[in-house]
N, C-alpha and C. Protein backbone atom coordinates (compact mmCIF):
# COMPACT_ATOMS: atom_id res chain seq x y z
N MET A 1 -13.44 -95.52 3.90
CA MET A 1 -13.99 -95.76 2.58
C MET A 1 -12.85 -96.08 1.61
N THR A 2 -13.02 -97.14 0.87
CA THR A 2 -12.03 -97.49 -0.15
C THR A 2 -12.66 -97.27 -1.52
N ILE A 3 -11.79 -97.13 -2.49
CA ILE A 3 -12.24 -96.91 -3.86
C ILE A 3 -11.96 -98.17 -4.66
N ASP A 4 -12.95 -98.66 -5.36
CA ASP A 4 -12.78 -99.83 -6.21
C ASP A 4 -11.90 -99.43 -7.40
N PRO A 5 -10.75 -100.09 -7.59
CA PRO A 5 -9.86 -99.73 -8.70
C PRO A 5 -10.57 -99.74 -10.06
N ALA A 6 -11.52 -100.64 -10.23
CA ALA A 6 -12.23 -100.71 -11.51
C ALA A 6 -13.08 -99.46 -11.75
N SER A 7 -13.48 -98.79 -10.68
CA SER A 7 -14.32 -97.60 -10.84
C SER A 7 -13.53 -96.41 -11.40
N LEU A 8 -12.21 -96.53 -11.46
CA LEU A 8 -11.39 -95.44 -12.00
C LEU A 8 -11.42 -95.39 -13.52
N ASP A 9 -11.76 -96.50 -14.15
CA ASP A 9 -11.74 -96.56 -15.62
C ASP A 9 -12.82 -95.68 -16.24
N ARG A 10 -12.40 -94.85 -17.16
CA ARG A 10 -13.36 -94.09 -17.97
C ARG A 10 -13.60 -94.83 -19.28
N GLN A 11 -12.59 -95.61 -19.65
CA GLN A 11 -12.69 -96.41 -20.86
C GLN A 11 -12.04 -97.76 -20.57
N PRO A 12 -12.72 -98.86 -20.85
CA PRO A 12 -12.16 -100.18 -20.56
C PRO A 12 -10.84 -100.41 -21.30
N LYS A 13 -9.99 -101.22 -20.68
CA LYS A 13 -8.66 -101.50 -21.23
C LYS A 13 -8.75 -102.07 -22.65
N ASP A 14 -9.70 -102.96 -22.89
CA ASP A 14 -9.79 -103.61 -24.20
C ASP A 14 -10.18 -102.64 -25.32
N THR A 15 -10.85 -101.54 -25.01
CA THR A 15 -11.20 -100.56 -26.06
C THR A 15 -10.24 -99.37 -26.07
N TYR A 16 -9.40 -99.25 -25.06
CA TYR A 16 -8.48 -98.11 -24.97
C TYR A 16 -7.35 -98.22 -25.98
N GLY A 17 -6.76 -99.39 -26.06
CA GLY A 17 -5.66 -99.57 -27.00
C GLY A 17 -4.38 -100.01 -26.32
N ALA A 18 -3.33 -100.07 -27.11
CA ALA A 18 -2.04 -100.61 -26.67
C ALA A 18 -1.34 -99.75 -25.62
N GLU A 19 -1.67 -98.50 -25.55
CA GLU A 19 -0.98 -97.58 -24.63
C GLU A 19 -1.60 -97.56 -23.23
N TYR A 20 -2.57 -98.42 -22.97
CA TYR A 20 -3.30 -98.39 -21.71
C TYR A 20 -2.38 -98.44 -20.49
N GLU A 21 -1.53 -99.47 -20.40
CA GLU A 21 -0.66 -99.61 -19.23
C GLU A 21 0.29 -98.43 -19.08
N LYS A 22 0.84 -97.99 -20.19
CA LYS A 22 1.77 -96.85 -20.16
C LYS A 22 1.06 -95.60 -19.65
N HIS A 23 -0.12 -95.33 -20.16
CA HIS A 23 -0.87 -94.15 -19.74
C HIS A 23 -1.33 -94.26 -18.28
N LEU A 24 -1.72 -95.47 -17.88
CA LEU A 24 -2.11 -95.68 -16.49
C LEU A 24 -0.95 -95.36 -15.56
N PHE A 25 0.24 -95.85 -15.89
CA PHE A 25 1.40 -95.59 -15.05
C PHE A 25 1.77 -94.11 -15.04
N GLU A 26 1.66 -93.45 -16.18
CA GLU A 26 1.96 -92.01 -16.25
C GLU A 26 0.97 -91.22 -15.39
N GLN A 27 -0.30 -91.60 -15.44
CA GLN A 27 -1.29 -90.92 -14.61
C GLN A 27 -1.03 -91.18 -13.13
N TYR A 28 -0.62 -92.40 -12.81
CA TYR A 28 -0.28 -92.72 -11.43
C TYR A 28 0.87 -91.83 -10.95
N LYS A 29 1.93 -91.73 -11.75
CA LYS A 29 3.09 -90.91 -11.37
C LYS A 29 2.68 -89.45 -11.19
N LEU A 30 1.86 -88.95 -12.09
CA LEU A 30 1.39 -87.57 -12.00
C LEU A 30 0.55 -87.36 -10.75
N TYR A 31 -0.31 -88.31 -10.46
CA TYR A 31 -1.20 -88.17 -9.29
C TYR A 31 -0.41 -88.23 -7.99
N VAL A 32 0.60 -89.10 -7.92
CA VAL A 32 1.45 -89.16 -6.73
C VAL A 32 2.20 -87.84 -6.56
N GLU A 33 2.67 -87.28 -7.66
CA GLU A 33 3.35 -85.98 -7.61
C GLU A 33 2.41 -84.89 -7.10
N MET A 34 1.16 -84.92 -7.53
CA MET A 34 0.20 -83.91 -7.07
C MET A 34 -0.09 -84.09 -5.58
N ALA A 35 -0.16 -85.32 -5.11
CA ALA A 35 -0.36 -85.56 -3.67
C ALA A 35 0.83 -85.03 -2.89
N ASP A 36 2.03 -85.22 -3.42
CA ASP A 36 3.23 -84.71 -2.76
C ASP A 36 3.22 -83.18 -2.74
N ARG A 37 2.76 -82.57 -3.79
CA ARG A 37 2.69 -81.10 -3.83
C ARG A 37 1.71 -80.55 -2.80
N ILE A 38 0.62 -81.27 -2.57
CA ILE A 38 -0.33 -80.85 -1.53
C ILE A 38 0.37 -80.85 -0.18
N SER A 39 1.16 -81.88 0.09
CA SER A 39 1.90 -81.95 1.35
C SER A 39 2.90 -80.80 1.45
N ALA A 40 3.57 -80.49 0.35
CA ALA A 40 4.54 -79.38 0.36
C ALA A 40 3.83 -78.05 0.60
N ARG A 41 2.67 -77.86 -0.02
CA ARG A 41 1.91 -76.62 0.21
C ARG A 41 1.44 -76.52 1.65
N ARG A 42 1.06 -77.64 2.22
CA ARG A 42 0.64 -77.66 3.62
C ARG A 42 1.78 -77.22 4.52
N MET A 43 2.97 -77.75 4.28
CA MET A 43 4.13 -77.38 5.10
C MET A 43 4.49 -75.91 4.89
N LEU A 44 4.35 -75.41 3.68
CA LEU A 44 4.62 -74.00 3.41
C LEU A 44 3.63 -73.11 4.15
N ALA A 45 2.36 -73.51 4.14
CA ALA A 45 1.34 -72.74 4.87
C ALA A 45 1.64 -72.76 6.37
N ASN A 46 2.02 -73.91 6.90
CA ASN A 46 2.36 -73.99 8.32
C ASN A 46 3.56 -73.11 8.65
N SER A 47 4.57 -73.13 7.81
CA SER A 47 5.75 -72.28 8.04
C SER A 47 5.36 -70.81 8.04
N PHE A 48 4.50 -70.42 7.11
CA PHE A 48 4.03 -69.04 7.05
C PHE A 48 3.32 -68.65 8.34
N PHE A 49 2.37 -69.47 8.76
CA PHE A 49 1.59 -69.14 9.96
C PHE A 49 2.46 -69.14 11.23
N VAL A 50 3.39 -70.07 11.33
CA VAL A 50 4.28 -70.08 12.50
C VAL A 50 5.10 -68.79 12.54
N GLY A 51 5.62 -68.37 11.39
CA GLY A 51 6.39 -67.13 11.33
C GLY A 51 5.56 -65.91 11.70
N VAL A 52 4.36 -65.82 11.13
CA VAL A 52 3.48 -64.69 11.41
C VAL A 52 3.11 -64.65 12.89
N HIS A 53 2.71 -65.78 13.43
CA HIS A 53 2.28 -65.81 14.83
C HIS A 53 3.44 -65.59 15.80
N THR A 54 4.61 -66.07 15.46
CA THR A 54 5.78 -65.81 16.31
C THR A 54 6.06 -64.31 16.35
N ALA A 55 6.00 -63.66 15.20
CA ALA A 55 6.22 -62.21 15.16
C ALA A 55 5.13 -61.47 15.93
N LEU A 56 3.88 -61.91 15.79
CA LEU A 56 2.77 -61.25 16.49
C LEU A 56 2.86 -61.45 18.01
N ILE A 57 3.23 -62.64 18.44
CA ILE A 57 3.40 -62.88 19.88
C ILE A 57 4.49 -61.96 20.43
N THR A 58 5.58 -61.85 19.70
CA THR A 58 6.68 -60.97 20.11
C THR A 58 6.20 -59.52 20.18
N ALA A 59 5.49 -59.08 19.13
CA ALA A 59 5.00 -57.70 19.10
C ALA A 59 4.02 -57.43 20.24
N PHE A 60 3.08 -58.34 20.47
CA PHE A 60 2.11 -58.14 21.56
C PHE A 60 2.80 -58.11 22.92
N THR A 61 3.80 -58.96 23.09
CA THR A 61 4.54 -58.97 24.36
C THR A 61 5.22 -57.62 24.59
N ILE A 62 5.85 -57.09 23.56
CA ILE A 62 6.50 -55.77 23.67
C ILE A 62 5.47 -54.68 23.94
N LEU A 63 4.36 -54.71 23.21
CA LEU A 63 3.32 -53.69 23.40
C LEU A 63 2.75 -53.75 24.81
N LEU A 64 2.59 -54.95 25.35
CA LEU A 64 2.10 -55.08 26.73
C LEU A 64 3.14 -54.57 27.73
N LYS A 65 4.37 -54.96 27.51
CA LYS A 65 5.45 -54.57 28.43
C LYS A 65 5.63 -53.05 28.46
N GLU A 66 5.50 -52.42 27.30
CA GLU A 66 5.67 -50.97 27.20
C GLU A 66 4.40 -50.21 27.60
N GLY A 67 3.33 -50.92 27.86
CA GLY A 67 2.08 -50.28 28.27
C GLY A 67 1.34 -49.59 27.13
N ILE A 68 1.61 -50.00 25.91
CA ILE A 68 0.97 -49.38 24.74
C ILE A 68 -0.45 -49.92 24.54
N LEU A 69 -0.65 -51.20 24.84
CA LEU A 69 -2.00 -51.77 24.76
C LEU A 69 -2.72 -51.49 26.07
N HIS A 70 -3.99 -51.11 25.96
CA HIS A 70 -4.77 -50.78 27.15
C HIS A 70 -6.01 -51.66 27.21
N ARG A 71 -6.54 -51.79 28.40
CA ARG A 71 -7.72 -52.61 28.64
C ARG A 71 -8.94 -51.87 28.12
N SER A 72 -9.22 -52.09 26.84
CA SER A 72 -10.37 -51.49 26.18
C SER A 72 -10.72 -52.36 24.99
N LEU A 73 -11.82 -52.03 24.34
CA LEU A 73 -12.21 -52.78 23.15
C LEU A 73 -11.12 -52.70 22.10
N VAL A 74 -10.53 -51.52 21.95
CA VAL A 74 -9.45 -51.34 20.97
C VAL A 74 -8.23 -52.17 21.37
N GLY A 75 -7.96 -52.26 22.67
CA GLY A 75 -6.83 -53.06 23.15
C GLY A 75 -7.00 -54.54 22.93
N TYR A 76 -8.25 -55.01 22.99
CA TYR A 76 -8.52 -56.43 22.81
C TYR A 76 -8.79 -56.82 21.36
N ALA A 77 -9.08 -55.87 20.51
CA ALA A 77 -9.39 -56.16 19.10
C ALA A 77 -8.29 -56.96 18.40
N PRO A 78 -7.01 -56.59 18.57
CA PRO A 78 -5.97 -57.40 17.91
C PRO A 78 -5.95 -58.85 18.39
N PHE A 79 -6.24 -59.06 19.66
CA PHE A 79 -6.25 -60.43 20.18
C PHE A 79 -7.39 -61.24 19.56
N ILE A 80 -8.54 -60.61 19.42
CA ILE A 80 -9.68 -61.28 18.78
C ILE A 80 -9.33 -61.64 17.34
N ALA A 81 -8.68 -60.70 16.64
CA ALA A 81 -8.31 -60.93 15.24
C ALA A 81 -7.33 -62.09 15.10
N VAL A 82 -6.31 -62.12 15.95
CA VAL A 82 -5.32 -63.19 15.80
C VAL A 82 -5.84 -64.54 16.28
N ILE A 83 -6.76 -64.54 17.22
CA ILE A 83 -7.38 -65.81 17.62
C ILE A 83 -8.23 -66.34 16.47
N LEU A 84 -8.91 -65.45 15.76
CA LEU A 84 -9.64 -65.87 14.56
C LEU A 84 -8.68 -66.38 13.49
N LEU A 85 -7.51 -65.75 13.39
CA LEU A 85 -6.49 -66.20 12.44
C LEU A 85 -6.01 -67.61 12.81
N CYS A 86 -5.91 -67.89 14.10
CA CYS A 86 -5.55 -69.25 14.55
C CYS A 86 -6.61 -70.26 14.11
N PHE A 87 -7.88 -69.85 14.22
CA PHE A 87 -8.96 -70.74 13.79
C PHE A 87 -8.87 -71.01 12.28
N VAL A 88 -8.60 -69.95 11.51
CA VAL A 88 -8.45 -70.12 10.05
C VAL A 88 -7.31 -71.09 9.76
N TRP A 89 -6.19 -70.92 10.43
CA TRP A 89 -5.04 -71.81 10.25
C TRP A 89 -5.43 -73.25 10.58
N TRP A 90 -6.13 -73.45 11.69
CA TRP A 90 -6.56 -74.78 12.09
C TRP A 90 -7.44 -75.41 11.02
N ARG A 91 -8.34 -74.61 10.43
CA ARG A 91 -9.23 -75.12 9.37
C ARG A 91 -8.44 -75.46 8.10
N ILE A 92 -7.42 -74.65 7.79
CA ILE A 92 -6.59 -74.93 6.62
C ILE A 92 -5.88 -76.26 6.79
N VAL A 93 -5.33 -76.50 7.98
CA VAL A 93 -4.67 -77.78 8.27
C VAL A 93 -5.66 -78.93 8.10
N ALA A 94 -6.86 -78.76 8.62
CA ALA A 94 -7.89 -79.81 8.50
C ALA A 94 -8.25 -80.04 7.03
N SER A 95 -8.35 -78.97 6.27
CA SER A 95 -8.68 -79.09 4.85
C SER A 95 -7.59 -79.84 4.09
N TYR A 96 -6.34 -79.49 4.35
CA TYR A 96 -5.23 -80.21 3.70
C TYR A 96 -5.23 -81.68 4.10
N ARG A 97 -5.53 -81.97 5.35
CA ARG A 97 -5.58 -83.36 5.81
C ARG A 97 -6.66 -84.13 5.03
N GLN A 98 -7.83 -83.53 4.89
CA GLN A 98 -8.92 -84.18 4.16
C GLN A 98 -8.56 -84.38 2.69
N LEU A 99 -7.95 -83.35 2.10
CA LEU A 99 -7.57 -83.43 0.69
C LEU A 99 -6.53 -84.53 0.47
N ASN A 100 -5.51 -84.58 1.34
CA ASN A 100 -4.49 -85.62 1.21
C ASN A 100 -5.07 -87.00 1.44
N SER A 101 -5.99 -87.12 2.38
CA SER A 101 -6.62 -88.40 2.64
C SER A 101 -7.33 -88.91 1.39
N GLY A 102 -8.08 -88.03 0.74
CA GLY A 102 -8.76 -88.40 -0.50
C GLY A 102 -7.79 -88.76 -1.60
N LYS A 103 -6.72 -87.98 -1.72
CA LYS A 103 -5.73 -88.26 -2.77
C LYS A 103 -5.08 -89.62 -2.56
N PHE A 104 -4.75 -89.95 -1.31
CA PHE A 104 -4.09 -91.24 -1.09
C PHE A 104 -5.06 -92.41 -1.22
N LYS A 105 -6.34 -92.20 -1.04
CA LYS A 105 -7.31 -93.26 -1.34
C LYS A 105 -7.29 -93.56 -2.84
N VAL A 106 -7.19 -92.51 -3.65
CA VAL A 106 -7.11 -92.70 -5.10
C VAL A 106 -5.78 -93.36 -5.47
N VAL A 107 -4.68 -92.93 -4.84
CA VAL A 107 -3.37 -93.55 -5.10
C VAL A 107 -3.45 -95.05 -4.80
N HIS A 108 -4.03 -95.42 -3.66
CA HIS A 108 -4.16 -96.84 -3.31
C HIS A 108 -5.03 -97.57 -4.33
N ALA A 109 -6.08 -96.93 -4.82
CA ALA A 109 -6.92 -97.56 -5.83
C ALA A 109 -6.15 -97.73 -7.14
N LEU A 110 -5.38 -96.72 -7.51
CA LEU A 110 -4.56 -96.84 -8.73
C LEU A 110 -3.54 -97.97 -8.58
N GLU A 111 -2.97 -98.11 -7.38
CA GLU A 111 -2.01 -99.19 -7.15
C GLU A 111 -2.65 -100.56 -7.32
N GLY A 112 -3.96 -100.63 -7.13
CA GLY A 112 -4.66 -101.89 -7.37
C GLY A 112 -4.62 -102.30 -8.83
N ARG A 113 -4.27 -101.37 -9.70
CA ARG A 113 -4.19 -101.65 -11.14
C ARG A 113 -2.75 -101.88 -11.60
N LEU A 114 -1.79 -101.68 -10.69
CA LEU A 114 -0.37 -101.77 -11.06
C LEU A 114 0.24 -103.06 -10.52
N PRO A 115 1.40 -103.47 -11.04
CA PRO A 115 2.03 -104.71 -10.58
C PRO A 115 2.51 -104.66 -9.13
N VAL A 116 2.87 -103.48 -8.63
CA VAL A 116 3.32 -103.34 -7.24
C VAL A 116 2.53 -102.22 -6.59
N ALA A 117 2.50 -102.25 -5.25
CA ALA A 117 1.75 -101.24 -4.50
C ALA A 117 2.60 -100.74 -3.33
N PRO A 118 3.60 -99.89 -3.61
CA PRO A 118 4.51 -99.45 -2.54
C PRO A 118 3.83 -98.62 -1.45
N TYR A 119 2.88 -97.78 -1.81
CA TYR A 119 2.20 -96.97 -0.78
C TYR A 119 1.33 -97.85 0.11
N ASP A 120 0.67 -98.83 -0.49
CA ASP A 120 -0.10 -99.79 0.32
C ASP A 120 0.82 -100.53 1.29
N ALA A 121 1.96 -101.01 0.78
CA ALA A 121 2.90 -101.75 1.63
C ALA A 121 3.45 -100.86 2.74
N GLU A 122 3.76 -99.61 2.40
CA GLU A 122 4.26 -98.68 3.41
C GLU A 122 3.22 -98.45 4.50
N TRP A 123 1.97 -98.26 4.09
CA TRP A 123 0.89 -98.01 5.06
C TRP A 123 0.70 -99.21 5.98
N VAL A 124 0.80 -100.42 5.43
CA VAL A 124 0.70 -101.63 6.24
C VAL A 124 1.88 -101.69 7.21
N ALA A 125 3.10 -101.38 6.73
CA ALA A 125 4.29 -101.41 7.58
C ALA A 125 4.18 -100.40 8.72
N LEU A 126 3.45 -99.32 8.49
CA LEU A 126 3.27 -98.28 9.51
C LEU A 126 2.04 -98.54 10.38
N GLY A 127 1.45 -99.70 10.24
CA GLY A 127 0.30 -100.06 11.07
C GLY A 127 -0.96 -99.29 10.73
N GLY A 128 -1.03 -98.77 9.53
CA GLY A 128 -2.23 -98.03 9.11
C GLY A 128 -2.47 -96.76 9.91
N GLY A 129 -1.41 -96.25 10.54
CA GLY A 129 -1.55 -95.02 11.32
C GLY A 129 -2.20 -95.22 12.67
N GLN A 130 -2.39 -96.48 13.08
CA GLN A 130 -3.09 -96.78 14.33
C GLN A 130 -2.17 -96.89 15.53
N SER A 131 -0.87 -97.10 15.29
CA SER A 131 0.08 -97.27 16.39
C SER A 131 1.07 -96.11 16.41
N PRO A 132 1.00 -95.25 17.43
CA PRO A 132 1.95 -94.14 17.51
C PRO A 132 3.41 -94.59 17.59
N LYS A 133 3.65 -95.83 18.02
CA LYS A 133 5.03 -96.34 18.06
C LYS A 133 5.57 -96.56 16.66
N LEU A 134 4.69 -96.92 15.73
CA LEU A 134 5.12 -97.14 14.35
C LEU A 134 5.06 -95.85 13.53
N TYR A 135 4.04 -95.06 13.77
CA TYR A 135 3.87 -93.84 12.96
C TYR A 135 2.88 -92.91 13.65
N ARG A 136 3.29 -91.67 13.82
CA ARG A 136 2.40 -90.65 14.36
C ARG A 136 2.16 -89.65 13.22
N PRO A 137 0.96 -89.64 12.68
CA PRO A 137 0.69 -88.72 11.56
C PRO A 137 0.97 -87.27 11.95
N LEU A 138 1.61 -86.57 11.04
CA LEU A 138 1.98 -85.17 11.28
C LEU A 138 0.75 -84.31 11.54
N THR A 139 -0.37 -84.65 10.93
CA THR A 139 -1.56 -83.83 11.13
C THR A 139 -2.05 -83.86 12.57
N HIS A 140 -1.73 -84.93 13.31
CA HIS A 140 -2.11 -84.96 14.72
C HIS A 140 -1.35 -83.89 15.49
N VAL A 141 -0.09 -83.68 15.14
CA VAL A 141 0.72 -82.64 15.76
C VAL A 141 0.30 -81.27 15.23
N GLU A 142 0.11 -81.20 13.91
CA GLU A 142 -0.27 -79.93 13.27
C GLU A 142 -1.55 -79.33 13.86
N ASN A 143 -2.47 -80.17 14.24
CA ASN A 143 -3.74 -79.67 14.80
C ASN A 143 -3.52 -78.89 16.09
N TRP A 144 -2.50 -79.23 16.84
CA TRP A 144 -2.27 -78.60 18.14
C TRP A 144 -1.55 -77.26 18.03
N VAL A 145 -0.77 -77.04 16.99
CA VAL A 145 0.05 -75.82 16.91
C VAL A 145 -0.82 -74.56 16.87
N PRO A 146 -1.85 -74.46 16.02
CA PRO A 146 -2.69 -73.25 16.05
C PRO A 146 -3.39 -73.07 17.40
N LEU A 147 -3.76 -74.18 18.03
CA LEU A 147 -4.42 -74.09 19.34
C LEU A 147 -3.45 -73.58 20.41
N CYS A 148 -2.19 -73.99 20.31
CA CYS A 148 -1.18 -73.50 21.27
C CYS A 148 -0.95 -72.00 21.10
N PHE A 149 -0.90 -71.54 19.86
CA PHE A 149 -0.76 -70.10 19.63
C PHE A 149 -1.98 -69.36 20.16
N ALA A 150 -3.18 -69.91 19.93
CA ALA A 150 -4.39 -69.26 20.45
C ALA A 150 -4.34 -69.18 21.97
N LEU A 151 -3.84 -70.23 22.62
CA LEU A 151 -3.69 -70.21 24.07
C LEU A 151 -2.73 -69.11 24.51
N LEU A 152 -1.63 -68.94 23.78
CA LEU A 152 -0.69 -67.86 24.10
C LEU A 152 -1.36 -66.50 23.98
N TYR A 153 -2.19 -66.33 22.96
CA TYR A 153 -2.91 -65.05 22.81
C TYR A 153 -3.88 -64.83 23.97
N PHE A 154 -4.56 -65.90 24.39
CA PHE A 154 -5.46 -65.77 25.54
C PHE A 154 -4.67 -65.38 26.80
N LEU A 155 -3.50 -65.97 26.97
CA LEU A 155 -2.66 -65.62 28.12
C LEU A 155 -2.20 -64.16 28.05
N LEU A 156 -1.83 -63.71 26.87
CA LEU A 156 -1.44 -62.30 26.72
C LEU A 156 -2.62 -61.37 26.96
N ALA A 157 -3.81 -61.77 26.48
CA ALA A 157 -5.01 -60.96 26.74
C ALA A 157 -5.30 -60.95 28.24
N GLY A 158 -5.08 -62.07 28.91
CA GLY A 158 -5.25 -62.13 30.37
C GLY A 158 -4.25 -61.22 31.08
N ALA A 159 -3.03 -61.16 30.56
CA ALA A 159 -2.03 -60.26 31.14
C ALA A 159 -2.46 -58.81 30.97
N LEU A 160 -3.07 -58.49 29.83
CA LEU A 160 -3.59 -57.13 29.61
C LEU A 160 -4.69 -56.84 30.61
N TRP A 161 -5.55 -57.82 30.84
CA TRP A 161 -6.65 -57.66 31.81
C TRP A 161 -6.09 -57.39 33.21
N CYS A 162 -5.07 -58.14 33.57
CA CYS A 162 -4.48 -57.99 34.91
C CYS A 162 -3.73 -56.66 35.08
N GLN A 163 -3.25 -56.10 33.98
CA GLN A 163 -2.56 -54.81 34.05
C GLN A 163 -3.51 -53.70 34.42
N GLY A 164 -4.76 -53.89 34.01
CA GLY A 164 -5.77 -52.88 34.34
C GLY A 164 -5.65 -51.77 33.45
């Protein structure tokens, strides 16, 4: 879905006044900055979850090795909780991807009102995200990380099962 650049106007240029182009460019700069902040927040969230899950995997491994976790509902409860946490992380990544996608559609529409369109040109140069040789979107990789951690938790739960 593309956004018609003309649909962004709340007030036509001819009735807005002399500051129209200046204000349009300032709004464009602000909007691009906000899109960049969404990406930064996404990376911060990923760093947080990787750190938490790395610590939890380490803790569960030690607890299993020391025989502290037992094959019971109580023993499996932490695994269920962290697998749910992996699902939450996966949904957060998906949400950020959707939010960024929407923001960049607006950025591209705003560029339709400006003399140059660097993000449009960059996207064309990257093959529109269709060729992994030109560009592999980070979200494709990000989607797998929570699933890999969930798989590790399943393997640890399986090790608990095998311990008896």
